[in-house]
Each structure stands twice: as structure tokens, then as C-alpha cells.
Amino acid sequence: MSKPSRRRVGFLALVPLALFLALAVLFYARLGAGDPSEVPSALIGKPVPDFRLDGVAGLTRDGAPVPGLSSSDLAKGVFVVNVFASWCAPCRAEHPLLTDLAKDQRIRLYGLNYKDADDQALRFLNGLGNPYVAIGADRNGRVGIDWGVYGVPETFVVADGRIVAKLVGPLTPERISAELKPAINKALVGQAAP
């Protein structure tokens, strides 16, 4: 074999390796390097999925059962829907912030209790307090799947039956002021527009 032929064979042997490395870099850049809390939701701007959930069994407020949650509850107004579970440590950490958020008279705060047992959710809420107007018990996670939930906690802003914002991961004071409050304010302004 002549020298030019050997060089060509050596070069051709490197092509698959170069293609593999290029694909590996592309996959890493698209999947591994991003912040998972910045994953956009395909449901932004779309109607809330149709659902109806019972409340957490045994949960009461002022002697009356705390109601469940359905899509019709989200039809008119601006709402924050927080997806939480008793087994979720970040949910426990963000809970005092939700208690403060519930004081905002411009919105209603709803809970979606995700893949949780009622007795555990009851213990969680009775121990930390219940900031939610209503809570849907999504025991098998089906409604969460319809909402695009892939972990807890997640928080949604809903305006007049449409999902307008999604925050993945725990709320912090910084995220509330930089992301959640602006989304709420934008939804309220949009609601006031003719």
C-alpha cells in the first residue's frame, strides 16, 4: 500500500470518532448543561387540563372539610397552584413562603397533593399549617402527569383557566420576587385588559 492510501485509511478511521464526539458535545449542551428549573412547559398559554380531585381525607378548616380541586375552580380569576407532597423535603422548606403568599388578597392559592397518602398529607398540613384554599389529592399522580409535572415542588400561575407560568423546584424569597410575583402581576394586568 502506498503512503497516500495509508493516510486516507487512517483519516477514514477517525471520521466515526469525530462524529461520536460531535454528537456527545451536542447532547451535553442540549440536555446536561441547562438548569432544569428553566425547562419551558408546553402547556403555557393553554387551558388547564380537565380534572376533578377529592380533597385530602380528614383535612378541615374551621370545622368544615377543606374542599378538593377541579379545573372549574380555576376558570375565572388568577390562581397559584402549588404541587407538593409530604415526602418532599423542598416542599417543607418552601411551605412558610406559601403561607405568606396566601395572604395576597389578589390571588387564591390552591394545592395539588401529588402521589401522597392522605394520612401523611394530613400530618404535614396539620404540622405546618394549611395555606391552601382547596387541595386536590392526586393520589396516583394522573392529574400531575396531565399538568406536565415531573417532580415536586412545582408551582403554576393560572389566569382565567389558562396556565400562564410554571416554576419548577422550590420557591425561595428570590424566586418569588424575581419570577412568581411578576408572573402574578402580569396575569392580573392581562385580566384587567379588555
N, C-alpha and C. Protein backbone atom coordinates (compact mmCIF):
# COMPACT_ATOMS: atom_id res chain seq x y z
N MET A 1 0.84 -1.17 0.00
CA MET A 1 0.00 0.00 0.00
C MET A 1 0.89 1.24 0.00
N SER A 2 0.50 2.21 -0.78
CA SER A 2 1.30 3.43 -0.87
C SER A 2 0.99 4.36 0.30
N LYS A 3 1.88 5.34 0.48
CA LYS A 3 1.71 6.29 1.58
C LYS A 3 0.40 7.07 1.49
N PRO A 4 -0.03 7.57 0.32
CA PRO A 4 -1.31 8.30 0.26
C PRO A 4 -2.49 7.41 0.63
N SER A 5 -2.46 6.14 0.29
CA SER A 5 -3.57 5.24 0.62
C SER A 5 -3.64 5.00 2.12
N ARG A 6 -2.49 4.82 2.78
CA ARG A 6 -2.48 4.63 4.23
C ARG A 6 -3.01 5.86 4.95
N ARG A 7 -2.65 7.01 4.47
CA ARG A 7 -3.12 8.24 5.08
C ARG A 7 -4.64 8.35 4.96
N ARG A 8 -5.20 7.99 3.81
CA ARG A 8 -6.64 8.03 3.58
C ARG A 8 -7.35 7.05 4.51
N VAL A 9 -6.82 5.85 4.68
CA VAL A 9 -7.40 4.85 5.56
C VAL A 9 -7.36 5.35 7.01
N GLY A 10 -6.26 5.93 7.43
CA GLY A 10 -6.14 6.48 8.78
C GLY A 10 -7.14 7.61 9.01
N PHE A 11 -7.29 8.45 8.00
CA PHE A 11 -8.26 9.54 8.10
C PHE A 11 -9.68 9.01 8.20
N LEU A 12 -10.03 8.04 7.38
CA LEU A 12 -11.38 7.47 7.41
C LEU A 12 -11.68 6.77 8.74
N ALA A 13 -10.67 6.25 9.39
CA ALA A 13 -10.88 5.60 10.68
C ALA A 13 -11.21 6.62 11.76
N LEU A 14 -10.77 7.86 11.58
CA LEU A 14 -11.06 8.91 12.57
C LEU A 14 -12.44 9.55 12.39
N VAL A 15 -13.06 9.40 11.24
CA VAL A 15 -14.36 10.02 10.98
C VAL A 15 -15.43 9.57 11.99
N PRO A 16 -15.60 8.24 12.24
CA PRO A 16 -16.63 7.84 13.22
C PRO A 16 -16.35 8.42 14.62
N LEU A 17 -15.09 8.46 15.01
CA LEU A 17 -14.75 9.01 16.32
C LEU A 17 -15.11 10.50 16.38
N ALA A 18 -14.81 11.23 15.32
CA ALA A 18 -15.13 12.66 15.28
C ALA A 18 -16.64 12.88 15.32
N LEU A 19 -17.40 12.06 14.61
CA LEU A 19 -18.87 12.18 14.63
C LEU A 19 -19.42 11.87 16.03
N PHE A 20 -18.88 10.83 16.66
CA PHE A 20 -19.31 10.49 18.01
C PHE A 20 -19.06 11.63 18.97
N LEU A 21 -17.88 12.21 18.93
CA LEU A 21 -17.54 13.33 19.82
C LEU A 21 -18.43 14.54 19.56
N ALA A 22 -18.72 14.82 18.30
CA ALA A 22 -19.58 15.95 17.96
C ALA A 22 -20.99 15.72 18.52
N LEU A 23 -21.52 14.52 18.39
CA LEU A 23 -22.84 14.21 18.93
C LEU A 23 -22.85 14.27 20.46
N ALA A 24 -21.79 13.79 21.08
CA ALA A 24 -21.70 13.82 22.54
C ALA A 24 -21.72 15.26 23.05
N VAL A 25 -20.98 16.14 22.40
CA VAL A 25 -20.96 17.55 22.78
C VAL A 25 -22.35 18.17 22.58
N LEU A 26 -23.00 17.85 21.48
CA LEU A 26 -24.33 18.38 21.21
C LEU A 26 -25.34 17.92 22.28
N PHE A 27 -25.35 16.63 22.60
CA PHE A 27 -26.26 16.12 23.61
C PHE A 27 -25.99 16.74 24.97
N TYR A 28 -24.74 16.89 25.32
CA TYR A 28 -24.40 17.50 26.60
C TYR A 28 -24.88 18.94 26.65
N ALA A 29 -24.66 19.67 25.57
CA ALA A 29 -25.06 21.08 25.54
C ALA A 29 -26.58 21.22 25.63
N ARG A 30 -27.32 20.31 25.00
CA ARG A 30 -28.78 20.42 24.98
C ARG A 30 -29.44 19.85 26.23
N LEU A 31 -28.86 18.82 26.82
CA LEU A 31 -29.52 18.13 27.93
C LEU A 31 -28.83 18.32 29.27
N GLY A 32 -27.54 18.25 29.30
CA GLY A 32 -26.85 18.18 30.59
C GLY A 32 -26.42 19.49 31.18
N ALA A 33 -26.30 20.51 30.39
CA ALA A 33 -25.72 21.75 30.90
C ALA A 33 -26.75 22.75 31.38
N GLY A 34 -28.03 22.55 31.07
CA GLY A 34 -29.05 23.53 31.42
C GLY A 34 -29.55 23.39 32.83
N ASP A 35 -30.22 24.41 33.28
CA ASP A 35 -30.86 24.42 34.59
C ASP A 35 -32.24 23.80 34.45
N PRO A 36 -32.52 22.69 35.16
CA PRO A 36 -33.81 22.03 34.99
C PRO A 36 -34.98 22.90 35.43
N SER A 37 -34.76 23.91 36.27
CA SER A 37 -35.85 24.78 36.67
C SER A 37 -36.26 25.73 35.54
N GLU A 38 -35.49 25.76 34.47
CA GLU A 38 -35.80 26.63 33.35
C GLU A 38 -36.41 25.88 32.18
N VAL A 39 -36.85 24.64 32.40
CA VAL A 39 -37.47 23.86 31.34
C VAL A 39 -38.83 24.48 31.04
N PRO A 40 -39.05 24.90 29.80
CA PRO A 40 -40.34 25.53 29.49
C PRO A 40 -41.44 24.47 29.45
N SER A 41 -42.63 24.88 29.79
CA SER A 41 -43.77 23.96 29.75
C SER A 41 -44.50 24.11 28.43
N ALA A 42 -44.88 22.98 27.86
CA ALA A 42 -45.66 23.00 26.61
C ALA A 42 -47.07 23.50 26.88
N LEU A 43 -47.46 23.59 28.14
CA LEU A 43 -48.83 23.99 28.48
C LEU A 43 -49.00 25.49 28.70
N ILE A 44 -47.90 26.26 28.66
CA ILE A 44 -48.00 27.70 28.86
C ILE A 44 -48.91 28.28 27.77
N GLY A 45 -49.92 29.02 28.21
CA GLY A 45 -50.88 29.62 27.29
C GLY A 45 -52.04 28.71 26.93
N LYS A 46 -52.00 27.49 27.39
CA LYS A 46 -53.05 26.52 27.07
C LYS A 46 -54.03 26.40 28.24
N PRO A 47 -55.24 25.90 27.97
CA PRO A 47 -56.20 25.71 29.06
C PRO A 47 -55.70 24.67 30.07
N VAL A 48 -56.12 24.87 31.31
CA VAL A 48 -55.83 23.90 32.36
C VAL A 48 -56.44 22.56 31.94
N PRO A 49 -55.70 21.46 32.12
CA PRO A 49 -56.28 20.15 31.80
C PRO A 49 -57.55 19.91 32.62
N ASP A 50 -58.51 19.22 32.03
CA ASP A 50 -59.76 18.92 32.71
C ASP A 50 -59.51 17.87 33.79
N PHE A 51 -59.92 18.19 35.04
CA PHE A 51 -59.72 17.25 36.14
C PHE A 51 -60.69 17.55 37.27
N ARG A 52 -60.87 16.59 38.12
CA ARG A 52 -61.66 16.74 39.35
C ARG A 52 -61.04 15.82 40.39
N LEU A 53 -60.58 16.40 41.50
CA LEU A 53 -59.94 15.62 42.57
C LEU A 53 -60.66 15.85 43.90
N ASP A 54 -60.80 14.78 44.65
CA ASP A 54 -61.31 14.89 46.01
C ASP A 54 -60.28 15.61 46.87
N GLY A 55 -60.75 16.08 48.03
CA GLY A 55 -59.84 16.70 48.98
C GLY A 55 -59.06 15.66 49.76
N VAL A 56 -58.15 16.11 50.58
CA VAL A 56 -57.39 15.24 51.47
C VAL A 56 -58.34 14.81 52.59
N ALA A 57 -58.55 13.51 52.73
CA ALA A 57 -59.48 12.97 53.71
C ALA A 57 -59.08 13.39 55.12
N GLY A 58 -60.04 13.96 55.84
CA GLY A 58 -59.81 14.34 57.23
C GLY A 58 -59.30 15.76 57.42
N LEU A 59 -58.95 16.46 56.35
CA LEU A 59 -58.43 17.82 56.47
C LEU A 59 -59.59 18.80 56.64
N THR A 60 -59.55 19.59 57.70
CA THR A 60 -60.61 20.56 57.96
C THR A 60 -60.04 21.94 58.20
N ARG A 61 -60.91 22.93 58.04
CA ARG A 61 -60.61 24.32 58.38
C ARG A 61 -61.86 24.89 59.02
N ASP A 62 -61.73 25.39 60.21
CA ASP A 62 -62.87 25.94 60.96
C ASP A 62 -64.01 24.93 61.07
N GLY A 63 -63.66 23.66 61.25
CA GLY A 63 -64.65 22.61 61.45
C GLY A 63 -65.28 22.06 60.19
N ALA A 64 -64.96 22.62 59.03
CA ALA A 64 -65.52 22.14 57.76
C ALA A 64 -64.42 21.48 56.94
N PRO A 65 -64.77 20.46 56.16
CA PRO A 65 -63.75 19.82 55.31
C PRO A 65 -63.17 20.80 54.29
N VAL A 66 -61.87 20.74 54.09
CA VAL A 66 -61.23 21.54 53.04
C VAL A 66 -61.59 20.89 51.72
N PRO A 67 -62.14 21.67 50.77
CA PRO A 67 -62.62 21.06 49.53
C PRO A 67 -61.49 20.55 48.64
N GLY A 68 -61.90 19.66 47.72
CA GLY A 68 -60.99 19.19 46.68
C GLY A 68 -60.83 20.27 45.63
N LEU A 69 -60.28 19.89 44.51
CA LEU A 69 -59.94 20.86 43.46
C LEU A 69 -60.33 20.31 42.10
N SER A 70 -60.83 21.18 41.25
CA SER A 70 -61.17 20.78 39.88
C SER A 70 -60.81 21.91 38.92
N SER A 71 -60.77 21.60 37.65
CA SER A 71 -60.45 22.60 36.64
C SER A 71 -61.45 23.74 36.65
N SER A 72 -62.70 23.47 37.00
CA SER A 72 -63.70 24.54 37.02
C SER A 72 -63.40 25.57 38.11
N ASP A 73 -62.67 25.18 39.16
CA ASP A 73 -62.27 26.13 40.21
C ASP A 73 -61.30 27.18 39.68
N LEU A 74 -60.65 26.89 38.57
CA LEU A 74 -59.61 27.75 38.02
C LEU A 74 -60.08 28.55 36.80
N ALA A 75 -61.39 28.56 36.58
CA ALA A 75 -61.93 29.14 35.35
C ALA A 75 -61.90 30.66 35.31
N LYS A 76 -62.12 31.33 36.42
CA LYS A 76 -62.22 32.79 36.40
C LYS A 76 -61.42 33.38 37.55
N GLY A 77 -60.37 34.12 37.23
CA GLY A 77 -59.53 34.75 38.23
C GLY A 77 -58.08 34.37 38.04
N VAL A 78 -57.25 34.80 38.98
CA VAL A 78 -55.81 34.48 38.95
C VAL A 78 -55.53 33.60 40.16
N PHE A 79 -54.86 32.48 39.90
CA PHE A 79 -54.62 31.47 40.91
C PHE A 79 -53.17 31.02 40.88
N VAL A 80 -52.70 30.58 42.03
CA VAL A 80 -51.41 29.91 42.12
C VAL A 80 -51.71 28.48 42.56
N VAL A 81 -51.22 27.52 41.79
CA VAL A 81 -51.41 26.11 42.11
C VAL A 81 -50.04 25.54 42.45
N ASN A 82 -49.90 25.09 43.69
CA ASN A 82 -48.63 24.54 44.16
C ASN A 82 -48.74 23.02 44.27
N VAL A 83 -47.83 22.33 43.59
CA VAL A 83 -47.79 20.86 43.63
C VAL A 83 -46.81 20.47 44.73
N PHE A 84 -47.30 19.70 45.72
CA PHE A 84 -46.48 19.37 46.88
C PHE A 84 -46.75 17.95 47.33
N ALA A 85 -45.90 17.46 48.23
CA ALA A 85 -46.08 16.14 48.85
C ALA A 85 -45.43 16.16 50.22
N SER A 86 -45.97 15.36 51.11
CA SER A 86 -45.42 15.31 52.47
C SER A 86 -44.02 14.72 52.50
N TRP A 87 -43.69 13.87 51.54
CA TRP A 87 -42.39 13.19 51.50
C TRP A 87 -41.31 14.05 50.84
N CYS A 88 -41.66 15.25 50.43
CA CYS A 88 -40.76 16.14 49.69
C CYS A 88 -40.12 17.16 50.63
N ALA A 89 -38.81 17.03 50.87
CA ALA A 89 -38.10 17.96 51.76
C ALA A 89 -38.15 19.41 51.26
N PRO A 90 -37.94 19.68 49.95
CA PRO A 90 -38.05 21.06 49.48
C PRO A 90 -39.45 21.65 49.67
N CYS A 91 -40.48 20.79 49.64
CA CYS A 91 -41.85 21.27 49.88
C CYS A 91 -41.97 21.80 51.30
N ARG A 92 -41.37 21.10 52.22
CA ARG A 92 -41.38 21.52 53.63
C ARG A 92 -40.63 22.86 53.77
N ALA A 93 -39.52 23.01 53.06
CA ALA A 93 -38.73 24.24 53.14
C ALA A 93 -39.47 25.44 52.56
N GLU A 94 -40.24 25.26 51.50
CA GLU A 94 -40.93 26.38 50.87
C GLU A 94 -42.27 26.71 51.53
N HIS A 95 -42.74 25.83 52.40
CA HIS A 95 -44.08 25.98 52.98
C HIS A 95 -44.31 27.32 53.70
N PRO A 96 -43.36 27.82 54.51
CA PRO A 96 -43.59 29.14 55.13
C PRO A 96 -43.77 30.26 54.10
N LEU A 97 -43.11 30.14 52.96
CA LEU A 97 -43.25 31.15 51.91
C LEU A 97 -44.64 31.09 51.30
N LEU A 98 -45.19 29.89 51.18
CA LEU A 98 -46.56 29.74 50.67
C LEU A 98 -47.56 30.33 51.67
N THR A 99 -47.28 30.15 52.95
CA THR A 99 -48.15 30.72 53.98
C THR A 99 -48.19 32.24 53.84
N ASP A 100 -47.05 32.85 53.59
CA ASP A 100 -47.01 34.30 53.36
C ASP A 100 -47.72 34.67 52.06
N LEU A 101 -47.50 33.90 51.00
CA LEU A 101 -48.13 34.16 49.70
C LEU A 101 -49.65 34.10 49.81
N ALA A 102 -50.17 33.21 50.63
CA ALA A 102 -51.62 33.06 50.79
C ALA A 102 -52.28 34.33 51.31
N LYS A 103 -51.51 35.23 51.90
CA LYS A 103 -52.05 36.49 52.42
C LYS A 103 -52.33 37.51 51.31
N ASP A 104 -51.82 37.25 50.10
CA ASP A 104 -52.04 38.14 48.96
C ASP A 104 -53.49 38.01 48.51
N GLN A 105 -54.29 39.04 48.78
CA GLN A 105 -55.73 39.01 48.51
C GLN A 105 -56.08 39.03 47.02
N ARG A 106 -55.10 39.28 46.17
CA ARG A 106 -55.37 39.35 44.73
C ARG A 106 -55.48 37.97 44.08
N ILE A 107 -55.00 36.95 44.78
CA ILE A 107 -54.95 35.60 44.21
C ILE A 107 -55.58 34.60 45.18
N ARG A 108 -55.80 33.40 44.67
CA ARG A 108 -56.19 32.27 45.52
C ARG A 108 -55.11 31.21 45.35
N LEU A 109 -54.68 30.64 46.46
CA LEU A 109 -53.63 29.63 46.46
C LEU A 109 -54.28 28.25 46.63
N TYR A 110 -54.05 27.39 45.66
CA TYR A 110 -54.56 26.03 45.68
C TYR A 110 -53.41 25.05 45.76
N GLY A 111 -53.68 23.87 46.32
CA GLY A 111 -52.67 22.83 46.43
C GLY A 111 -53.06 21.62 45.61
N LEU A 112 -52.05 20.97 45.07
CA LEU A 112 -52.22 19.68 44.39
C LEU A 112 -51.28 18.72 45.12
N ASN A 113 -51.87 17.86 45.94
CA ASN A 113 -51.10 16.92 46.75
C ASN A 113 -50.77 15.72 45.88
N TYR A 114 -49.49 15.57 45.54
CA TYR A 114 -49.03 14.67 44.49
C TYR A 114 -48.50 13.35 45.05
N LYS A 115 -49.12 12.24 44.61
CA LYS A 115 -48.67 10.88 44.96
C LYS A 115 -48.39 10.73 46.45
N ASP A 116 -49.40 11.08 47.24
CA ASP A 116 -49.22 11.10 48.68
C ASP A 116 -50.37 10.34 49.33
N ALA A 117 -50.13 9.80 50.49
CA ALA A 117 -51.18 9.17 51.28
C ALA A 117 -51.88 10.25 52.10
N ASP A 118 -53.20 10.14 52.22
CA ASP A 118 -53.96 11.17 52.93
C ASP A 118 -53.46 11.38 54.36
N ASP A 119 -53.16 10.28 55.08
CA ASP A 119 -52.72 10.45 56.47
C ASP A 119 -51.39 11.19 56.56
N GLN A 120 -50.50 10.97 55.59
CA GLN A 120 -49.23 11.69 55.58
C GLN A 120 -49.42 13.16 55.22
N ALA A 121 -50.28 13.43 54.23
CA ALA A 121 -50.57 14.81 53.85
C ALA A 121 -51.23 15.55 55.00
N LEU A 122 -52.13 14.86 55.69
CA LEU A 122 -52.82 15.45 56.84
C LEU A 122 -51.82 15.83 57.94
N ARG A 123 -50.90 14.93 58.22
CA ARG A 123 -49.87 15.19 59.23
C ARG A 123 -49.00 16.39 58.82
N PHE A 124 -48.61 16.41 57.55
CA PHE A 124 -47.80 17.50 57.01
C PHE A 124 -48.51 18.85 57.18
N LEU A 125 -49.77 18.93 56.74
CA LEU A 125 -50.51 20.19 56.77
C LEU A 125 -50.92 20.60 58.18
N ASN A 126 -51.27 19.62 59.01
CA ASN A 126 -51.61 19.96 60.39
C ASN A 126 -50.37 20.43 61.16
N GLY A 127 -49.21 19.91 60.81
CA GLY A 127 -47.97 20.31 61.48
C GLY A 127 -47.45 21.67 61.05
N LEU A 128 -47.56 21.97 59.74
CA LEU A 128 -47.01 23.22 59.21
C LEU A 128 -48.05 24.30 58.97
N GLY A 129 -49.32 23.92 58.98
CA GLY A 129 -50.39 24.86 58.66
C GLY A 129 -50.83 24.66 57.21
N ASN A 130 -52.06 25.04 56.94
CA ASN A 130 -52.62 24.87 55.60
C ASN A 130 -52.84 26.24 54.95
N PRO A 131 -51.98 26.62 54.01
CA PRO A 131 -52.16 27.91 53.34
C PRO A 131 -53.13 27.86 52.17
N TYR A 132 -53.60 26.66 51.80
CA TYR A 132 -54.38 26.47 50.58
C TYR A 132 -55.87 26.65 50.81
N VAL A 133 -56.54 27.28 49.86
CA VAL A 133 -57.99 27.43 49.89
C VAL A 133 -58.65 26.07 49.66
N ALA A 134 -58.09 25.29 48.76
CA ALA A 134 -58.57 23.95 48.45
C ALA A 134 -57.37 23.11 48.04
N ILE A 135 -57.50 21.80 48.22
CA ILE A 135 -56.40 20.89 47.87
C ILE A 135 -56.98 19.68 47.16
N GLY A 136 -56.45 19.39 45.98
CA GLY A 136 -56.81 18.18 45.27
C GLY A 136 -55.82 17.08 45.62
N ALA A 137 -56.35 15.92 46.02
CA ALA A 137 -55.50 14.79 46.36
C ALA A 137 -55.27 13.95 45.10
N ASP A 138 -54.12 14.13 44.48
CA ASP A 138 -53.74 13.39 43.26
C ASP A 138 -52.97 12.15 43.68
N ARG A 139 -53.70 11.20 44.23
CA ARG A 139 -53.08 10.03 44.86
C ARG A 139 -52.25 9.17 43.90
N ASN A 140 -52.69 9.04 42.66
CA ASN A 140 -51.94 8.20 41.71
C ASN A 140 -51.08 9.01 40.75
N GLY A 141 -51.12 10.34 40.85
CA GLY A 141 -50.28 11.19 40.02
C GLY A 141 -50.79 11.46 38.62
N ARG A 142 -51.99 10.99 38.30
CA ARG A 142 -52.52 11.14 36.94
C ARG A 142 -52.73 12.60 36.55
N VAL A 143 -53.29 13.39 37.45
CA VAL A 143 -53.53 14.80 37.14
C VAL A 143 -52.19 15.53 37.00
N GLY A 144 -51.24 15.19 37.85
CA GLY A 144 -49.90 15.78 37.73
C GLY A 144 -49.28 15.52 36.36
N ILE A 145 -49.47 14.32 35.85
CA ILE A 145 -48.96 14.00 34.51
C ILE A 145 -49.61 14.89 33.47
N ASP A 146 -50.93 15.07 33.59
CA ASP A 146 -51.64 15.94 32.64
C ASP A 146 -51.15 17.39 32.70
N TRP A 147 -50.70 17.81 33.87
CA TRP A 147 -50.18 19.16 34.05
C TRP A 147 -48.70 19.27 33.63
N GLY A 148 -48.08 18.14 33.31
CA GLY A 148 -46.67 18.16 32.94
C GLY A 148 -45.73 18.17 34.11
N VAL A 149 -46.20 17.74 35.28
CA VAL A 149 -45.37 17.70 36.48
C VAL A 149 -44.40 16.53 36.36
N TYR A 150 -43.14 16.79 36.63
CA TYR A 150 -42.17 15.69 36.65
C TYR A 150 -41.40 15.64 37.95
N GLY A 151 -41.79 16.44 38.91
CA GLY A 151 -41.18 16.42 40.23
C GLY A 151 -41.87 17.42 41.12
N VAL A 152 -41.64 17.30 42.39
CA VAL A 152 -42.22 18.27 43.32
C VAL A 152 -41.10 18.97 44.07
N PRO A 153 -41.28 20.20 44.43
CA PRO A 153 -42.45 21.02 44.17
C PRO A 153 -42.40 21.70 42.80
N GLU A 154 -43.57 22.00 42.31
CA GLU A 154 -43.74 22.82 41.12
C GLU A 154 -44.88 23.79 41.41
N THR A 155 -44.82 24.96 40.83
CA THR A 155 -45.82 25.98 41.08
C THR A 155 -46.26 26.57 39.75
N PHE A 156 -47.57 26.70 39.59
CA PHE A 156 -48.17 27.23 38.36
C PHE A 156 -48.94 28.50 38.68
N VAL A 157 -48.94 29.42 37.72
CA VAL A 157 -49.83 30.57 37.78
C VAL A 157 -50.88 30.34 36.70
N VAL A 158 -52.15 30.44 37.09
CA VAL A 158 -53.28 30.21 36.19
C VAL A 158 -54.11 31.48 36.15
N ALA A 159 -54.46 31.92 34.95
CA ALA A 159 -55.33 33.09 34.79
C ALA A 159 -56.49 32.70 33.90
N ASP A 160 -57.69 32.83 34.44
CA ASP A 160 -58.92 32.55 33.69
C ASP A 160 -58.85 31.21 32.96
N GLY A 161 -58.43 30.19 33.67
CA GLY A 161 -58.44 28.83 33.13
C GLY A 161 -57.27 28.47 32.23
N ARG A 162 -56.28 29.36 32.11
CA ARG A 162 -55.10 29.09 31.27
C ARG A 162 -53.84 29.13 32.13
N ILE A 163 -52.93 28.21 31.86
CA ILE A 163 -51.64 28.20 32.54
C ILE A 163 -50.77 29.29 31.93
N VAL A 164 -50.33 30.22 32.76
CA VAL A 164 -49.53 31.34 32.23
C VAL A 164 -48.08 31.30 32.68
N ALA A 165 -47.77 30.50 33.71
CA ALA A 165 -46.38 30.39 34.17
C ALA A 165 -46.21 29.09 34.94
N LYS A 166 -44.98 28.58 34.90
CA LYS A 166 -44.63 27.36 35.64
C LYS A 166 -43.25 27.55 36.24
N LEU A 167 -43.13 27.27 37.52
CA LEU A 167 -41.84 27.31 38.21
C LEU A 167 -41.54 25.92 38.72
N VAL A 168 -40.44 25.37 38.27
CA VAL A 168 -40.02 24.03 38.67
C VAL A 168 -39.03 24.17 39.82
N GLY A 169 -39.25 23.39 40.86
CA GLY A 169 -38.36 23.41 42.01
C GLY A 169 -38.91 24.27 43.12
N PRO A 170 -38.21 24.29 44.25
CA PRO A 170 -38.72 25.00 45.41
C PRO A 170 -38.71 26.51 45.23
N LEU A 171 -39.71 27.14 45.83
CA LEU A 171 -39.75 28.60 45.86
C LEU A 171 -38.77 29.09 46.92
N THR A 172 -38.15 30.20 46.64
CA THR A 172 -37.29 30.90 47.59
C THR A 172 -37.75 32.35 47.58
N PRO A 173 -37.35 33.14 48.55
CA PRO A 173 -37.73 34.56 48.51
C PRO A 173 -37.29 35.22 47.19
N GLU A 174 -36.11 34.84 46.71
CA GLU A 174 -35.60 35.43 45.46
C GLU A 174 -36.46 35.02 44.27
N ARG A 175 -36.82 33.75 44.19
CA ARG A 175 -37.66 33.27 43.07
C ARG A 175 -39.05 33.88 43.13
N ILE A 176 -39.57 34.08 44.33
CA ILE A 176 -40.90 34.69 44.45
C ILE A 176 -40.86 36.11 43.92
N SER A 177 -39.83 36.88 44.30
CA SER A 177 -39.78 38.28 43.85
C SER A 177 -39.37 38.39 42.38
N ALA A 178 -38.49 37.50 41.90
CA ALA A 178 -37.99 37.62 40.53
C ALA A 178 -38.85 36.90 39.49
N GLU A 179 -39.57 35.84 39.90
CA GLU A 179 -40.31 35.04 38.92
C GLU A 179 -41.81 34.96 39.21
N LEU A 180 -42.16 34.57 40.43
CA LEU A 180 -43.57 34.32 40.72
C LEU A 180 -44.40 35.59 40.77
N LYS A 181 -43.96 36.58 41.53
CA LYS A 181 -44.73 37.84 41.65
C LYS A 181 -44.88 38.54 40.29
N PRO A 182 -43.81 38.62 39.47
CA PRO A 182 -44.01 39.22 38.14
C PRO A 182 -45.02 38.45 37.29
N ALA A 183 -45.03 37.12 37.39
CA ALA A 183 -46.00 36.32 36.62
C ALA A 183 -47.42 36.59 37.13
N ILE A 184 -47.57 36.71 38.44
CA ILE A 184 -48.88 37.03 39.01
C ILE A 184 -49.32 38.41 38.57
N ASN A 185 -48.43 39.38 38.67
CA ASN A 185 -48.75 40.76 38.28
C ASN A 185 -49.13 40.86 36.81
N LYS A 186 -48.38 40.15 35.97
CA LYS A 186 -48.69 40.15 34.52
C LYS A 186 -50.06 39.54 34.28
N ALA A 187 -50.37 38.45 35.00
CA ALA A 187 -51.68 37.80 34.83
C ALA A 187 -52.80 38.73 35.29
N LEU A 188 -52.58 39.46 36.38
CA LEU A 188 -53.58 40.39 36.88
C LEU A 188 -53.80 41.55 35.91
N VAL A 189 -52.72 42.06 35.32
CA VAL A 189 -52.83 43.14 34.34
C VAL A 189 -53.56 42.63 33.10
N GLY A 190 -53.21 41.44 32.65
CA GLY A 190 -53.87 40.85 31.48
C GLY A 190 -55.35 40.61 31.72
N GLN A 191 -55.69 40.29 32.95
CA GLN A 191 -57.09 40.05 33.31
C GLN A 191 -57.88 41.37 33.28
N ALA A 192 -57.21 42.47 33.64
CA ALA A 192 -57.89 43.76 33.67
C ALA A 192 -58.06 44.36 32.28
N ALA A 193 -57.24 43.90 31.33
CA ALA A 193 -57.32 44.43 29.97
C ALA A 193 -58.61 43.95 29.30
N PRO A 194 -59.25 44.80 28.50
CA PRO A 194 -60.50 44.40 27.83
C PRO A 194 -60.28 43.35 26.78
